[in-house]
Amino acid sequence: MKCQNCSKSARYDWFYCPQCGTKLDLSQVVEDFSPSAVSDGVKYFPAAFDPEPYAIGRTVAEAADFYKIYVRFILAFITDYKQLVDFRVKVITEIQKVVGKTPVEGFTKICWCAISLATDRYFADKAVLYQWDTAVEAELKTKWYELISRAFVPDASARRLDISVLQNFKEQFISAHRRDQGPLPACVECTSKCIYDYEVAQCLPTNIHSLDSVGSGEAVAKFSKSLCDRLVSSKEFNLDLSFCFAAHLLQAANVPDSNQRDLIWPIRKTLLDKEITA
C-alpha cells in the first residue's frame, strides 16, 4: 500500500507513514484490490490478488521462514545472476511448506502474491533504513519486479532477459546502498559498506548469545564463510559478504566493541585465505 498523503510505499502492518508521519488508512488494505492499495505486484499478475489466493498469499508472506528465504533470494542474486532462476526452487519449496502438501488450486497465484507482498515489505524496509526517497524506492522496486516476474509469472517467463538489464539493476541497487561508515565496529575493515547489512541481519542464526558460541577470530571467519556459502548457494567466494556475517556474529554474541576491533583484522586476514574450510 501507499501513503495517501505523500505516496510513500508502506507495509500493511505499519500504522504511520515513515516519511511524512501521516496515519495510514488500513481499512483499504483488504477491501481495495487496486495496485496502490495491495501491492505493486498486481500489475504483473492481477489474478494472484483475487480474494482466495490473496488470503493464502498473505499468510505465506507473514511467515518468518518464508521472508528469510526471500531475502536470501535477493542476496543470492546480488552475488550471482544465475540465482535469479536457480534459487527459484528454494522460494517455491518454502511456500509449499507453509501452504501444506495438499495440492492447492491456483498455487502459482499464491506464489506470486506472497512474493509480491514480500517484495513490498523488503523495499519499504530498505527505503527507511537507507533513507531512499520515494522516486529511488519506486524505481528500484519496479526494476526488481521486472526481473522476478520473468521467473515466477507464467506469461512473462517466456521472455528472454538480456544480461545488460541484470547488470544495470545490480549497479543501481548497490549504488543506492553505499555508505562511508557501517553500523558495527567491524565495519571499518569492510570495502562494501553497506550493501549486505539488512540481508545478513535477517539471515543470521538466532542462537548466538556469547563469545563462547562463536569462538576465536579464526573460528568466526570459518563459520561466517560457511554461512555465506550455505545461505547464498554460490560457488563464488564473496569476501565482504562473509565478513559482514562475521561482523554481525560478533555483535550478536555480545562481544564488547573493543574486542570486536581487536578481532576484525585477524578475521579479515583469515577470510582472505580462500582455502579456509568450515
C-alpha atoms as a PDB file:
ATOM      1  CA  MET A   1       0.000   0.000   0.000  1.00  0.00           C
ATOM      2  CA  LYS A   2       0.992   3.657  -0.266  1.00  0.00           C
ATOM      3  CA  CYS A   3       0.570   6.682   1.959  1.00  0.00           C
ATOM      4  CA  GLN A   4      -2.445   8.721   0.901  1.00  0.00           C
ATOM      5  CA  ASN A   5      -0.542  11.936   1.621  1.00  0.00           C
ATOM      6  CA  CYS A   6       2.929  11.520   0.049  1.00  0.00           C
ATOM      7  CA  SER A   7       2.594   8.233  -1.942  1.00  0.00           C
ATOM      8  CA  LYS A   8       5.431   6.650   0.033  1.00  0.00           C
ATOM      9  CA  SER A   9       5.282   2.851  -0.086  1.00  0.00           C
ATOM     10  CA  ALA A  10       4.269   1.412   3.275  1.00  0.00           C
ATOM     11  CA  ARG A  11       3.840  -2.050   4.683  1.00  0.00           C
ATOM     12  CA  TYR A  12       0.365  -3.281   5.570  1.00  0.00           C
ATOM     13  CA  ASP A  13       1.443  -3.689   9.229  1.00  0.00           C
ATOM     14  CA  TRP A  14       2.549  -0.053   9.615  1.00  0.00           C
ATOM     15  CA  PHE A  15       0.238   2.472  11.257  1.00  0.00           C
ATOM     16  CA  TYR A  16       2.085   5.652  10.244  1.00  0.00           C
ATOM     17  CA  CYS A  17       3.992   6.682   7.122  1.00  0.00           C
ATOM     18  CA  PRO A  18       7.764   6.622   7.815  1.00  0.00           C
ATOM     19  CA  GLN A  19       8.284   9.614   5.526  1.00  0.00           C
ATOM     20  CA  CYS A  20       5.587  12.159   6.421  1.00  0.00           C
ATOM     21  CA  GLY A  21       4.089  10.681   9.606  1.00  0.00           C
ATOM     22  CA  THR A  22       0.535  10.539   8.257  1.00  0.00           C
ATOM     23  CA  LYS A  23      -1.681   7.885   9.848  1.00  0.00           C
ATOM     24  CA  LEU A  24      -2.247   5.167   7.257  1.00  0.00           C
ATOM     25  CA  ASP A  25      -5.751   4.119   6.233  1.00  0.00           C
ATOM     26  CA  LEU A  26      -5.502   0.375   6.863  1.00  0.00           C
ATOM     27  CA  SER A  27      -9.150  -0.162   6.013  1.00  0.00           C
ATOM     28  CA  GLN A  28      -8.254  -0.197   2.321  1.00  0.00           C
ATOM     29  CA  VAL A  29      -5.650  -2.940   2.516  1.00  0.00           C
ATOM     30  CA  VAL A  30      -8.043  -5.892   2.171  1.00  0.00           C
ATOM     31  CA  GLU A  31     -11.077  -4.309   0.528  1.00  0.00           C
ATOM     32  CA  ASP A  32      -9.355  -2.302  -2.225  1.00  0.00           C
ATOM     33  CA  PHE A  33      -7.572  -4.595  -4.678  1.00  0.00           C
ATOM     34  CA  SER A  34      -6.015  -1.844  -6.772  1.00  0.00           C
ATOM     35  CA  PRO A  35      -2.213  -1.923  -7.176  1.00  0.00           C
ATOM     36  CA  SER A  36      -1.726   1.110  -4.936  1.00  0.00           C
ATOM     37  CA  ALA A  37      -3.684  -0.449  -2.063  1.00  0.00           C
ATOM     38  CA  VAL A  38      -2.476  -4.053  -2.108  1.00  0.00           C
ATOM     39  CA  SER A  39       0.831  -4.485  -3.924  1.00  0.00           C
ATOM     40  CA  ASP A  40       2.734  -3.263  -6.947  1.00  0.00           C
ATOM     41  CA  GLY A  41       2.823  -6.933  -7.959  1.00  0.00           C
ATOM     42  CA  VAL A  42      -0.813  -6.688  -9.093  1.00  0.00           C
ATOM     43  CA  LYS A  43       0.397  -5.122 -12.334  1.00  0.00           C
ATOM     44  CA  TYR A  44       2.190  -8.308 -13.382  1.00  0.00           C
ATOM     45  CA  PHE A  45      -0.382 -10.938 -12.355  1.00  0.00           C
ATOM     46  CA  PRO A  46      -3.761  -9.435 -11.335  1.00  0.00           C
ATOM     47  CA  ALA A  47      -5.413 -12.819 -10.728  1.00  0.00           C
ATOM     48  CA  ALA A  48      -2.899 -13.530  -7.954  1.00  0.00           C
ATOM     49  CA  PHE A  49      -4.697 -10.930  -5.850  1.00  0.00           C
ATOM     50  CA  ASP A  50      -8.183 -12.319  -6.081  1.00  0.00           C
ATOM     51  CA  PRO A  51      -9.602 -12.880  -2.560  1.00  0.00           C
ATOM     52  CA  GLU A  52      -8.678 -16.568  -2.177  1.00  0.00           C
ATOM     53  CA  PRO A  53      -5.032 -16.512  -3.387  1.00  0.00           C
ATOM     54  CA  TYR A  54      -4.522 -13.177  -1.623  1.00  0.00           C
ATOM     55  CA  ALA A  55      -5.692 -14.574   1.721  1.00  0.00           C
ATOM     56  CA  ILE A  56      -3.315 -17.545   1.452  1.00  0.00           C
ATOM     57  CA  GLY A  57      -0.512 -15.498  -0.090  1.00  0.00           C
ATOM     58  CA  ARG A  58      -0.612 -13.016   2.764  1.00  0.00           C
ATOM     59  CA  THR A  59      -0.328 -15.874   5.284  1.00  0.00           C
ATOM     60  CA  VAL A  60       2.757 -17.081   3.433  1.00  0.00           C
ATOM     61  CA  ALA A  61       4.254 -13.581   3.267  1.00  0.00           C
ATOM     62  CA  GLU A  62       3.855 -13.174   7.032  1.00  0.00           C
ATOM     63  CA  ALA A  63       5.719 -16.425   7.771  1.00  0.00           C
ATOM     64  CA  ALA A  64       9.191 -15.636   9.162  1.00  0.00           C
ATOM     65  CA  ASP A  65      10.899 -18.555   7.417  1.00  0.00           C
ATOM     66  CA  PHE A  66       9.469 -17.556   4.056  1.00  0.00           C
ATOM     67  CA  TYR A  67      10.636 -13.963   4.375  1.00  0.00           C
ATOM     68  CA  LYS A  68      14.124 -15.169   5.304  1.00  0.00           C
ATOM     69  CA  ILE A  69      14.201 -17.320   2.155  1.00  0.00           C
ATOM     70  CA  TYR A  70      13.026 -14.350   0.106  1.00  0.00           C
ATOM     71  CA  VAL A  71      15.800 -12.140   1.496  1.00  0.00           C
ATOM     72  CA  ARG A  72      18.298 -14.915   0.740  1.00  0.00           C
ATOM     73  CA  PHE A  73      16.939 -14.944  -2.829  1.00  0.00           C
ATOM     74  CA  ILE A  74      17.876 -11.293  -3.305  1.00  0.00           C
ATOM     75  CA  LEU A  75      21.220 -11.775  -1.596  1.00  0.00           C
ATOM     76  CA  ALA A  76      21.973 -14.759  -3.845  1.00  0.00           C
ATOM     77  CA  PHE A  77      21.093 -12.778  -6.965  1.00  0.00           C
ATOM     78  CA  ILE A  78      23.374  -9.900  -5.995  1.00  0.00           C
ATOM     79  CA  THR A  79      26.162 -12.463  -5.632  1.00  0.00           C
ATOM     80  CA  ASP A  80      25.400 -14.442  -8.801  1.00  0.00           C
ATOM     81  CA  TYR A  81      22.952 -13.525 -11.610  1.00  0.00           C
ATOM     82  CA  LYS A  82      22.131 -17.192 -12.271  1.00  0.00           C
ATOM     83  CA  GLN A  83      20.476 -17.408  -8.871  1.00  0.00           C
ATOM     84  CA  LEU A  84      17.524 -15.452 -10.276  1.00  0.00           C
ATOM     85  CA  VAL A  85      16.496 -18.789 -11.784  1.00  0.00           C
ATOM     86  CA  ASP A  86      18.431 -21.330  -9.709  1.00  0.00           C
ATOM     87  CA  PHE A  87      17.210 -20.043  -6.320  1.00  0.00           C
ATOM     88  CA  ARG A  88      13.611 -20.085  -7.522  1.00  0.00           C
ATOM     89  CA  VAL A  89      13.069 -23.675  -6.378  1.00  0.00           C
ATOM     90  CA  LYS A  90      14.007 -22.776  -2.788  1.00  0.00           C
ATOM     91  CA  VAL A  91      11.428 -19.975  -2.731  1.00  0.00           C
ATOM     92  CA  ILE A  92       8.695 -22.219  -4.119  1.00  0.00           C
ATOM     93  CA  THR A  93       9.606 -25.070  -1.766  1.00  0.00           C
ATOM     94  CA  GLU A  94       9.275 -22.765   1.236  1.00  0.00           C
ATOM     95  CA  ILE A  95       5.864 -21.598   0.026  1.00  0.00           C
ATOM     96  CA  GLN A  96       4.800 -25.238  -0.264  1.00  0.00           C
ATOM     97  CA  LYS A  97       5.862 -25.801   3.353  1.00  0.00           C
ATOM     98  CA  VAL A  98       3.589 -23.006   4.517  1.00  0.00           C
ATOM     99  CA  VAL A  99       0.652 -23.921   2.289  1.00  0.00           C
ATOM    100  CA  GLY A 100       0.921 -27.638   3.005  1.00  0.00           C
ATOM    101  CA  LYS A 101       1.474 -30.779   0.957  1.00  0.00           C
ATOM    102  CA  THR A 102      -2.152 -30.967  -0.165  1.00  0.00           C
ATOM    103  CA  PRO A 103      -2.369 -29.598  -3.732  1.00  0.00           C
ATOM    104  CA  VAL A 104      -3.881 -26.134  -3.724  1.00  0.00           C
ATOM    105  CA  GLU A 105      -5.693 -24.816  -6.770  1.00  0.00           C
ATOM    106  CA  GLY A 106      -4.048 -21.692  -8.056  1.00  0.00           C
ATOM    107  CA  PHE A 107      -0.657 -22.347  -6.419  1.00  0.00           C
ATOM    108  CA  THR A 108       1.117 -20.153  -8.985  1.00  0.00           C
ATOM    109  CA  LYS A 109      -1.148 -17.271  -7.986  1.00  0.00           C
ATOM    110  CA  ILE A 110      -0.387 -17.807  -4.308  1.00  0.00           C
ATOM    111  CA  CYS A 111       3.353 -17.836  -5.055  1.00  0.00           C
ATOM    112  CA  TRP A 112       3.249 -14.530  -6.900  1.00  0.00           C
ATOM    113  CA  CYS A 113       1.035 -12.902  -4.280  1.00  0.00           C
ATOM    114  CA  ALA A 114       3.380 -13.928  -1.448  1.00  0.00           C
ATOM    115  CA  ILE A 115       6.473 -12.885  -3.395  1.00  0.00           C
ATOM    116  CA  SER A 116       4.900  -9.527  -4.229  1.00  0.00           C
ATOM    117  CA  LEU A 117       3.981  -8.795  -0.609  1.00  0.00           C
ATOM    118  CA  ALA A 118       7.496  -9.787   0.467  1.00  0.00           C
ATOM    119  CA  THR A 119       8.926  -7.500  -2.225  1.00  0.00           C
ATOM    120  CA  ASP A 120       6.860  -4.566  -0.982  1.00  0.00           C
ATOM    121  CA  ARG A 121       7.972  -5.221   2.595  1.00  0.00           C
ATOM    122  CA  TYR A 122      11.619  -5.558   1.571  1.00  0.00           C
ATOM    123  CA  PHE A 123      11.804  -2.293  -0.353  1.00  0.00           C
ATOM    124  CA  ALA A 124       9.763  -0.429   2.263  1.00  0.00           C
ATOM    125  CA  ASP A 125      12.198  -1.586   4.961  1.00  0.00           C
ATOM    126  CA  LYS A 126      15.234  -0.721   2.866  1.00  0.00           C
ATOM    127  CA  ALA A 127      13.851   2.710   1.993  1.00  0.00           C
ATOM    128  CA  VAL A 128      13.557   3.534   5.697  1.00  0.00           C
ATOM    129  CA  LEU A 129      16.957   2.058   6.578  1.00  0.00           C
ATOM    130  CA  TYR A 130      18.828   3.795   3.764  1.00  0.00           C
ATOM    131  CA  GLN A 131      16.632   6.897   3.638  1.00  0.00           C
ATOM    132  CA  TRP A 132      15.737   6.468  -0.023  1.00  0.00           C
ATOM    133  CA  ASP A 133      13.287   8.998  -1.346  1.00  0.00           C
ATOM    134  CA  THR A 134      10.063   7.804  -2.976  1.00  0.00           C
ATOM    135  CA  ALA A 135      11.457   8.031  -6.510  1.00  0.00           C
ATOM    136  CA  VAL A 136      14.534   5.881  -5.752  1.00  0.00           C
ATOM    137  CA  GLU A 137      12.488   3.278  -3.921  1.00  0.00           C
ATOM    138  CA  ALA A 138       9.901   3.098  -6.706  1.00  0.00           C
ATOM    139  CA  GLU A 139      12.485   2.799  -9.479  1.00  0.00           C
ATOM    140  CA  LEU A 140      14.482   0.052  -7.767  1.00  0.00           C
ATOM    141  CA  LYS A 141      11.355  -1.877  -6.838  1.00  0.00           C
ATOM    142  CA  THR A 142       9.917  -1.612 -10.357  1.00  0.00           C
ATOM    143  CA  LYS A 143      13.139  -2.878 -11.908  1.00  0.00           C
ATOM    144  CA  TRP A 144      13.248  -5.788  -9.444  1.00  0.00           C
ATOM    145  CA  TYR A 145       9.643  -6.674 -10.268  1.00  0.00           C
ATOM    146  CA  GLU A 146      10.535  -6.696 -13.957  1.00  0.00           C
ATOM    147  CA  LEU A 147      13.260  -9.248 -13.217  1.00  0.00           C
ATOM    148  CA  ILE A 148      11.416 -11.588 -10.865  1.00  0.00           C
ATOM    149  CA  SER A 149       8.230 -11.584 -12.941  1.00  0.00           C
ATOM    150  CA  ARG A 150      10.243 -13.485 -15.568  1.00  0.00           C
ATOM    151  CA  ALA A 151      10.917 -16.213 -13.006  1.00  0.00           C
ATOM    152  CA  PHE A 152       7.507 -16.506 -11.336  1.00  0.00           C
ATOM    153  CA  VAL A 153       4.743 -15.171 -13.633  1.00  0.00           C
ATOM    154  CA  PRO A 154       3.694 -17.740 -16.287  1.00  0.00           C
ATOM    155  CA  ASP A 155       3.093 -15.345 -19.185  1.00  0.00           C
ATOM    156  CA  ALA A 156       6.310 -13.447 -18.534  1.00  0.00           C
ATOM    157  CA  SER A 157       8.677 -16.397 -18.151  1.00  0.00           C
ATOM    158  CA  ALA A 158       8.978 -16.960 -21.893  1.00  0.00           C
ATOM    159  CA  ARG A 159      10.509 -13.530 -22.461  1.00  0.00           C
ATOM    160  CA  ARG A 160      14.291 -13.610 -22.548  1.00  0.00           C
ATOM    161  CA  LEU A 161      16.232 -11.328 -20.245  1.00  0.00           C
ATOM    162  CA  ASP A 162      19.319  -9.539 -21.506  1.00  0.00           C
ATOM    163  CA  ILE A 163      22.374  -9.668 -19.239  1.00  0.00           C
ATOM    164  CA  SER A 164      22.729  -5.902 -19.515  1.00  0.00           C
ATOM    165  CA  VAL A 165      19.378  -5.494 -17.740  1.00  0.00           C
ATOM    166  CA  LEU A 166      20.639  -7.605 -14.828  1.00  0.00           C
ATOM    167  CA  GLN A 167      23.882  -5.654 -14.681  1.00  0.00           C
ATOM    168  CA  ASN A 168      22.101  -2.315 -14.789  1.00  0.00           C
ATOM    169  CA  PHE A 169      19.828  -3.222 -11.900  1.00  0.00           C
ATOM    170  CA  LYS A 170      22.664  -4.595  -9.786  1.00  0.00           C
ATOM    171  CA  GLU A 171      24.819  -1.496 -10.319  1.00  0.00           C
ATOM    172  CA  GLN A 172      21.980   0.859  -9.462  1.00  0.00           C
ATOM    173  CA  PHE A 173      20.901  -1.263  -6.497  1.00  0.00           C
ATOM    174  CA  ILE A 174      24.387  -1.437  -4.997  1.00  0.00           C
ATOM    175  CA  SER A 175      24.994   2.254  -5.616  1.00  0.00           C
ATOM    176  CA  ALA A 176      21.911   3.088  -3.532  1.00  0.00           C
ATOM    177  CA  HIS A 177      23.396   1.174  -0.574  1.00  0.00           C
ATOM    178  CA  ARG A 178      26.892   2.637  -0.419  1.00  0.00           C
ATOM    179  CA  ARG A 179      27.835   4.382   2.828  1.00  0.00           C
ATOM    180  CA  ASP A 180      31.038   5.844   4.222  1.00  0.00           C
ATOM    181  CA  GLN A 181      30.523   4.222   7.594  1.00  0.00           C
ATOM    182  CA  GLY A 182      28.871   0.969   8.647  1.00  0.00           C
ATOM    183  CA  PRO A 183      26.808   0.451  11.816  1.00  0.00           C
ATOM    184  CA  LEU A 184      29.133  -2.059  13.557  1.00  0.00           C
ATOM    185  CA  PRO A 185      32.686  -1.764  14.936  1.00  0.00           C
ATOM    186  CA  ALA A 186      33.987  -4.367  12.477  1.00  0.00           C
ATOM    187  CA  CYS A 187      32.627  -2.413   9.503  1.00  0.00           C
ATOM    188  CA  VAL A 188      35.789  -0.308   9.446  1.00  0.00           C
ATOM    189  CA  GLU A 189      37.559  -3.145   7.580  1.00  0.00           C
ATOM    190  CA  CYS A 190      34.731  -3.662   5.060  1.00  0.00           C
ATOM    191  CA  THR A 191      35.047  -2.398   1.483  1.00  0.00           C
ATOM    192  CA  SER A 192      31.365  -2.898   0.614  1.00  0.00           C
ATOM    193  CA  LYS A 193      29.646  -0.607   3.125  1.00  0.00           C
ATOM    194  CA  CYS A 194      26.747  -1.144   3.457  1.00  0.00           C
ATOM    195  CA  ILE A 195      25.468  -3.472   0.764  1.00  0.00           C
ATOM    196  CA  TYR A 196      24.671  -6.539   2.857  1.00  0.00           C
ATOM    197  CA  ASP A 197      23.718  -5.229   6.310  1.00  0.00           C
ATOM    198  CA  TYR A 198      19.935  -5.730   6.125  1.00  0.00           C
ATOM    199  CA  GLU A 199      20.094  -9.134   4.445  1.00  0.00           C
ATOM    200  CA  VAL A 200      22.724 -10.542   6.810  1.00  0.00           C
ATOM    201  CA  ALA A 201      20.780  -9.326   9.838  1.00  0.00           C
ATOM    202  CA  GLN A 202      17.681 -11.132   8.548  1.00  0.00           C
ATOM    203  CA  CYS A 203      19.531 -14.389   7.796  1.00  0.00           C
ATOM    204  CA  LEU A 204      21.771 -14.609  10.865  1.00  0.00           C
ATOM    205  CA  PRO A 205      21.250 -17.627  13.158  1.00  0.00           C
ATOM    206  CA  THR A 206      19.252 -16.736  16.255  1.00  0.00           C
ATOM    207  CA  ASN A 207      21.121 -18.987  18.693  1.00  0.00           C
ATOM    208  CA  ILE A 208      24.312 -16.905  19.020  1.00  0.00           C
ATOM    209  CA  HIS A 209      24.429 -15.485  22.540  1.00  0.00           C
ATOM    210  CA  SER A 210      28.040 -15.303  23.675  1.00  0.00           C
ATOM    211  CA  LEU A 211      31.658 -15.308  22.562  1.00  0.00           C
ATOM    212  CA  ASP A 212      31.801 -18.980  23.539  1.00  0.00           C
ATOM    213  CA  SER A 213      29.216 -19.600  20.818  1.00  0.00           C
ATOM    214  CA  VAL A 214      31.475 -18.239  18.083  1.00  0.00           C
ATOM    215  CA  GLY A 215      34.929 -19.000  19.483  1.00  0.00           C
ATOM    216  CA  SER A 216      38.150 -17.410  18.243  1.00  0.00           C
ATOM    217  CA  GLY A 217      38.577 -14.981  15.378  1.00  0.00           C
ATOM    218  CA  GLU A 218      39.601 -17.812  13.073  1.00  0.00           C
ATOM    219  CA  ALA A 219      36.538 -19.812  14.107  1.00  0.00           C
ATOM    220  CA  VAL A 220      34.316 -16.801  13.407  1.00  0.00           C
ATOM    221  CA  ALA A 221      35.866 -16.412   9.959  1.00  0.00           C
ATOM    222  CA  LYS A 222      35.341 -20.070   9.072  1.00  0.00           C
ATOM    223  CA  PHE A 223      31.785 -20.113  10.402  1.00  0.00           C
ATOM    224  CA  SER A 224      30.980 -16.905   8.507  1.00  0.00           C
ATOM    225  CA  LYS A 225      32.297 -18.287   5.225  1.00  0.00           C
ATOM    226  CA  SER A 226      30.308 -21.478   5.820  1.00  0.00           C
ATOM    227  CA  LEU A 227      27.144 -19.439   6.440  1.00  0.00           C
ATOM    228  CA  CYS A 228      27.748 -17.415   3.308  1.00  0.00           C
ATOM    229  CA  ASP A 229      28.294 -20.499   1.140  1.00  0.00           C
ATOM    230  CA  ARG A 230      25.220 -22.258   2.531  1.00  0.00           C
ATOM    231  CA  LEU A 231      22.769 -19.369   2.521  1.00  0.00           C
ATOM    232  CA  VAL A 232      23.702 -17.833  -0.813  1.00  0.00           C
ATOM    233  CA  SER A 233      24.311 -21.106  -2.678  1.00  0.00           C
ATOM    234  CA  SER A 234      27.047 -19.625  -4.832  1.00  0.00           C
ATOM    235  CA  LYS A 235      30.342 -21.202  -5.841  1.00  0.00           C
ATOM    236  CA  GLU A 236      31.941 -17.756  -5.968  1.00  0.00           C
ATOM    237  CA  PHE A 237      33.702 -16.627  -2.800  1.00  0.00           C
ATOM    238  CA  ASN A 238      32.415 -13.251  -1.586  1.00  0.00           C
ATOM    239  CA  LEU A 239      34.879 -11.739   0.880  1.00  0.00           C
ATOM    240  CA  ASP A 240      32.794  -8.795   2.085  1.00  0.00           C
ATOM    241  CA  LEU A 241      29.593 -10.797   2.398  1.00  0.00           C
ATOM    242  CA  SER A 242      31.435 -13.368   4.529  1.00  0.00           C
ATOM    243  CA  PHE A 243      32.973 -10.543   6.522  1.00  0.00           C
ATOM    244  CA  CYS A 244      29.539  -8.978   7.053  1.00  0.00           C
ATOM    245  CA  PHE A 245      28.342 -12.260   8.553  1.00  0.00           C
ATOM    246  CA  ALA A 246      31.394 -12.195  10.836  1.00  0.00           C
ATOM    247  CA  ALA A 247      30.692  -8.623  11.954  1.00  0.00           C
ATOM    248  CA  HIS A 248      27.081  -9.461  12.765  1.00  0.00           C
ATOM    249  CA  LEU A 249      28.064 -12.666  14.563  1.00  0.00           C
ATOM    250  CA  LEU A 250      30.381 -10.726  16.888  1.00  0.00           C
ATOM    251  CA  GLN A 251      27.632  -8.205  17.592  1.00  0.00           C
ATOM    252  CA  ALA A 252      25.005 -10.915  18.163  1.00  0.00           C
ATOM    253  CA  ALA A 253      27.378 -12.695  20.546  1.00  0.00           C
ATOM    254  CA  ASN A 254      27.592  -9.514  22.655  1.00  0.00           C
ATOM    255  CA  VAL A 255      31.344  -9.177  22.131  1.00  0.00           C
ATOM    256  CA  PRO A 256      32.457  -5.769  23.548  1.00  0.00           C
ATOM    257  CA  ASP A 257      33.252  -3.147  20.909  1.00  0.00           C
ATOM    258  CA  SER A 258      36.929  -3.022  21.886  1.00  0.00           C
ATOM    259  CA  ASN A 259      37.236  -6.805  21.478  1.00  0.00           C
ATOM    260  CA  GLN A 260      35.480  -6.625  18.128  1.00  0.00           C
ATOM    261  CA  ARG A 261      38.057  -4.113  16.939  1.00  0.00           C
ATOM    262  CA  ASP A 262      40.857  -6.445  18.064  1.00  0.00           C
ATOM    263  CA  LEU A 263      39.320  -9.353  16.173  1.00  0.00           C
ATOM    264  CA  ILE A 264      38.353  -7.701  12.913  1.00  0.00           C
ATOM    265  CA  TRP A 265      41.727  -7.766  11.170  1.00  0.00           C
ATOM    266  CA  PRO A 266      42.566 -11.392  12.105  1.00  0.00           C
ATOM    267  CA  ILE A 267      39.095 -12.328  10.836  1.00  0.00           C
ATOM    268  CA  ARG A 268      39.604 -10.386   7.626  1.00  0.00           C
ATOM    269  CA  LYS A 269      43.033 -11.926   7.136  1.00  0.00           C
ATOM    270  CA  THR A 270      41.643 -15.425   7.609  1.00  0.00           C
ATOM    271  CA  LEU A 271      38.842 -14.770   5.128  1.00  0.00           C
ATOM    272  CA  LEU A 272      41.380 -13.583   2.579  1.00  0.00           C
ATOM    273  CA  ASP A 273      42.661 -17.144   2.551  1.00  0.00           C
ATOM    274  CA  LYS A 274      40.108 -18.686   0.209  1.00  0.00           C
ATOM    275  CA  GLU A 275      41.195 -22.178   1.165  1.00  0.00           C
ATOM    276  CA  ILE A 276      39.640 -21.973   4.636  1.00  0.00           C
ATOM    277  CA  THR A 277      37.006 -24.567   5.367  1.00  0.00           C
ATOM    278  CA  ALA A 278      34.245 -24.788   7.922  1.00  0.00           C
END
